[in-house]
Each structure stands twice: as structure tokens, then as C-alpha cells.
Protein backbone atom coordinates (compact mmCIF):
# COMPACT_ATOMS: atom_id res chain seq x y z
CA MET A 1 112.45 121.46 99.18
CA GLY A 2 110.01 119.57 97.72
CA GLY A 3 108.48 119.06 94.40
CA GLN A 4 105.70 116.77 92.53
CA ILE A 5 106.00 113.62 90.44
CA THR A 6 103.84 113.92 87.10
CA ALA A 7 104.64 111.07 85.49
CA VAL A 8 106.22 107.43 85.95
CA SER A 9 106.98 105.40 83.37
CA SER A 10 108.94 102.12 82.22
CA ASN A 11 109.63 99.70 79.25
CA GLY A 12 110.44 95.89 79.81
CA THR A 13 112.04 96.26 75.85
CA TYR A 14 115.19 98.78 74.82
CA SER A 15 113.18 101.54 73.06
CA PHE A 16 113.79 105.72 72.88
CA THR A 17 110.30 105.78 74.63
CA LYS A 18 108.62 105.02 77.78
CA PRO A 19 104.96 104.44 78.14
CA ASN A 20 103.61 106.00 81.07
CA ARG A 21 102.47 103.87 84.12
CA GLU A 22 99.65 103.94 86.98
CA SER A 23 102.90 103.21 88.79
CA ILE A 24 106.55 101.97 88.77
CA THR A 25 107.76 99.86 91.51
CA LEU A 26 111.45 100.95 93.01
CA LEU A 27 113.96 98.08 93.80
CA ALA A 28 116.71 98.32 96.12
CA GLY A 29 120.02 98.18 94.08
CA LEU A 30 118.29 97.42 91.11
CA GLY A 31 115.98 99.93 89.63
CA VAL A 32 112.88 100.10 87.85
CA GLU A 33 110.68 96.90 88.19
CA GLY A 34 110.83 94.90 84.77
CA ASP A 35 112.64 97.66 82.97
CA VAL A 36 115.30 97.08 80.38
CA HIS A 37 117.67 99.17 82.04
CA ALA A 38 117.00 97.65 86.04
CA GLY A 39 120.42 95.72 86.96
CA VAL A 40 122.99 95.66 89.14
CA THR A 41 125.69 96.18 86.53
CA VAL A 42 125.19 98.47 83.17
CA LYS A 43 121.99 98.15 80.93
CA HIS A 44 122.31 100.83 78.64
CA ARG A 45 123.91 99.19 75.33
CA SER A 46 126.91 101.52 74.45
CA ARG A 47 128.34 101.34 78.03
CA VAL A 48 127.98 97.30 77.74
CA ALA A 49 129.93 97.17 75.11
CA ARG A 50 132.27 99.08 76.46
CA ASP A 51 132.18 97.59 80.13
CA PRO A 52 129.25 95.41 81.06
CA SER A 53 130.96 94.95 84.34
CA GLN A 54 130.42 98.12 85.41
CA PRO A 55 127.75 98.96 88.19
CA ASN A 56 124.67 100.55 87.02
CA LEU A 57 124.70 104.35 87.82
CA ARG A 58 121.92 104.69 85.49
CA GLN A 59 118.84 102.92 87.32
CA VAL A 60 116.25 104.96 87.16
CA HIS A 61 116.24 108.74 84.78
CA LEU A 62 114.67 111.52 86.68
CA LEU A 63 113.68 114.76 83.91
CA HIS A 64 111.84 117.57 84.85
CA GLN A 65 108.84 118.16 83.54
CA GLU A 66 109.66 122.20 82.73
CA LEU A 67 112.30 121.43 80.28
CA PHE A 68 108.50 119.95 77.98
CA ASP A 69 107.58 123.36 78.48
CA GLU A 70 110.81 125.06 77.60
CA VAL A 71 111.45 122.75 74.36
CA ARG A 72 107.33 123.40 73.72
CA GLU A 73 108.53 127.20 72.95
CA ALA A 74 110.83 126.08 70.26
CA GLY A 75 108.21 124.31 68.33
CA ILE A 76 108.57 121.12 69.58
CA GLU A 77 106.05 118.96 71.48
CA VAL A 78 107.82 116.41 73.65
CA GLY A 79 105.60 114.59 76.68
CA ALA A 80 106.21 112.88 79.51
CA GLY A 81 108.16 109.01 79.19
CA GLU A 82 109.00 110.17 75.42
CA LEU A 83 112.54 110.73 76.40
CA GLY A 84 113.19 107.31 78.24
CA GLU A 85 112.41 108.85 81.59
CA ASN A 86 111.33 106.60 84.69
CA VAL A 87 110.42 109.10 86.82
CA THR A 88 108.83 112.96 85.65
CA THR A 89 108.65 115.45 88.24
CA ARG A 90 107.52 119.29 88.89
CA GLY A 91 108.82 121.45 90.98
CA ILE A 92 112.95 120.87 91.52
CA ASP A 93 115.46 122.23 89.71
CA LEU A 94 116.61 118.79 89.24
CA LEU A 95 120.23 119.83 87.53
CA ALA A 96 121.25 121.98 89.95
CA LEU A 97 121.42 118.78 92.47
CA PRO A 98 125.14 117.78 93.32
CA VAL A 99 126.17 114.13 93.55
CA GLY A 100 124.73 111.95 96.15
CA THR A 101 121.48 113.81 96.55
CA ARG A 102 118.68 111.54 98.09
CA LEU A 103 115.26 111.97 96.79
CA HIS A 104 112.36 110.64 98.74
CA LEU A 105 110.01 109.30 96.23
CA GLY A 106 106.36 108.91 97.45
CA GLU A 107 105.76 107.16 100.93
CA ARG A 108 108.88 105.13 101.34
CA ALA A 109 111.51 104.99 98.05
CA VAL A 110 114.81 106.58 98.06
CA VAL A 111 116.91 107.18 95.07
CA GLU A 112 120.34 108.71 95.17
CA VAL A 113 121.72 110.75 92.39
CA THR A 114 124.62 109.79 90.67
CA GLY A 115 124.98 112.16 87.88
CA LEU A 116 123.53 113.59 84.44
CA ARG A 117 122.62 111.65 81.28
CA ASN A 118 123.97 112.46 78.17
CA PRO A 119 121.57 113.26 75.39
CA CYS A 120 122.51 111.26 72.58
CA LEU A 121 122.05 111.61 68.62
CA GLN A 122 119.10 109.41 68.71
CA ILE A 123 117.38 112.89 70.31
CA ASP A 124 117.10 114.22 67.20
CA ASN A 125 115.72 111.07 65.33
CA PHE A 126 112.65 111.30 67.66
CA ARG A 127 111.99 114.76 67.27
CA GLN A 128 114.36 117.24 65.09
CA GLY A 129 115.79 119.81 66.75
CA LEU A 130 115.42 118.38 70.12
CA LEU A 131 119.17 118.32 70.67
CA LYS A 132 119.80 121.51 70.22
CA GLN A 133 117.49 122.33 72.58
CA VAL A 134 118.86 119.53 75.52
CA VAL A 135 122.10 120.18 74.75
CA THR A 136 123.31 124.11 74.95
CA ARG A 137 125.88 126.61 76.29
CA ASP A 138 125.96 128.92 79.27
CA ALA A 139 126.74 132.56 79.01
CA ASP A 140 130.55 131.36 79.84
CA GLY A 141 130.55 129.06 77.13
CA LYS A 142 130.10 125.84 79.42
CA LEU A 143 128.46 122.74 77.78
CA ARG A 144 124.89 122.69 79.55
CA LEU A 145 122.99 118.85 78.95
CA LYS A 146 119.28 119.46 80.24
CA GLY A 147 118.18 115.65 79.65
CA GLY A 148 117.59 114.64 83.10
CA ILE A 149 119.46 113.37 85.87
CA MET A 150 120.57 109.39 86.63
CA SER A 151 120.34 107.65 90.06
CA VAL A 152 120.11 104.10 91.98
CA VAL A 153 117.57 102.88 94.24
CA LEU A 154 118.65 102.98 97.77
CA GLU A 155 115.62 101.90 99.27
CA GLY A 156 112.45 99.75 97.12
CA GLY A 157 109.07 101.08 96.86
CA VAL A 158 105.53 101.76 94.84
CA VAL A 159 105.97 105.77 93.16
CA ARG A 160 103.09 107.03 91.10
CA PRO A 161 102.11 110.36 89.94
CA GLY A 162 100.97 113.06 92.35
CA ASP A 163 103.77 111.50 94.82
CA GLY A 164 105.30 114.48 96.52
CA ILE A 165 109.61 113.93 95.89
CA GLU A 166 111.51 115.56 99.11
CA VAL A 167 115.06 116.18 98.74
CA GLU A 168 117.97 115.31 101.27
CA LEU A 169 121.25 117.25 100.11
CA PRO A 170 124.15 115.48 100.89
CA ASP A 171 127.05 116.76 103.80
CA GLY A 172 129.17 119.46 102.01
CA PRO A 173 131.46 119.86 100.06
CA HIS A 174 128.92 119.92 97.34
CA VAL A 175 129.86 117.60 93.74
CA PRO A 176 128.13 119.25 90.57
CA LEU A 177 127.08 116.71 88.62
CA GLU A 178 128.88 114.97 85.42
CA ILE A 179 127.68 112.75 82.95
CA VAL A 180 127.62 108.66 84.11
């Protein structure tokens, strides 16, 4: 099972969006080279405020391009990098992957999925009504977060739009993703 990278993005300063790049370099144990969220310990402001010594389980944010298609149907235009993701994908149900899944990106890079991104109120400041599109409930009333997944870099490498993604599921039993 595999998919494709449609865009890569990074930003050296805190901003809701991340500009698209021709390529990004993933650094083992750190994240995206030059990105504000790269590091061994947490870099997201809310997590730093709680405990700056926490391990950074949010080194690389991946988001499925299919979400953009879905929110467009609700009249909201969003493009790659605009929700702060580093890697935009197509063809993989990222939200259904279990914890510990390894994603082989391009020729060398490997990231391990750690959990879900929890969309915050800033998302509505970016596009009014978007939060309601990415935080929904399923038929059983269970909360469904569609803001992408977070990962850590196991093996570094250069990643570009057009690169393939290979999915390596962990040995079972599989643990569903939760917010990290």
C-alpha cells in the first residue's frame, strides 16, 4: 500500500501556514531542517509552556490532500502548507494508520507515526468555518479529528513533491491514533 507526496512545506518562524518548497530535508531525531518545529524536545508553543522537556512527538506533520477536496465541497478553499503541514499526501488514509506505522518517504527518509494533530481555534482565524470541517463526529457520536497526523524522523533524507510513500504497518495488535 502506498501513496504520493503532493507538496512539501517548512517555515523557520512561527506562523500558521508554511510555504511550499521544492524539497525539504528530514533529519533523524529532529524533524524538518530549518523548520521552527524541529528538535528533540517539544517546539509547539502550548506544549513548551506546559513542559519544555517533553519529547517532540510532532517533528513532521503530514496531511492528506483529500481533506482539501472535502472542505472545498463545503465552500472553503485550502491549499498545501496552509494548515501548517510539512508533507501533503495523496492516496493513503493517514487517519486510519495505527501508532508506530513507518512511512518511507522518497528514496531514504522514514518517519514513524506518533498520533493525531489536534486542530485548534487558530484554524477558524485562517478560514472561518474550517474547524467545523476538520473536527467532526462519526455516526456513533465519536469525535473525529481530520487535521492530519504527527510523526518523528527515524531516517533522514530529502523529500520532494512527486516522491512515493510506502507504508510499513507495525506488528499487531494495532493501536489507534490519539492526540499527541
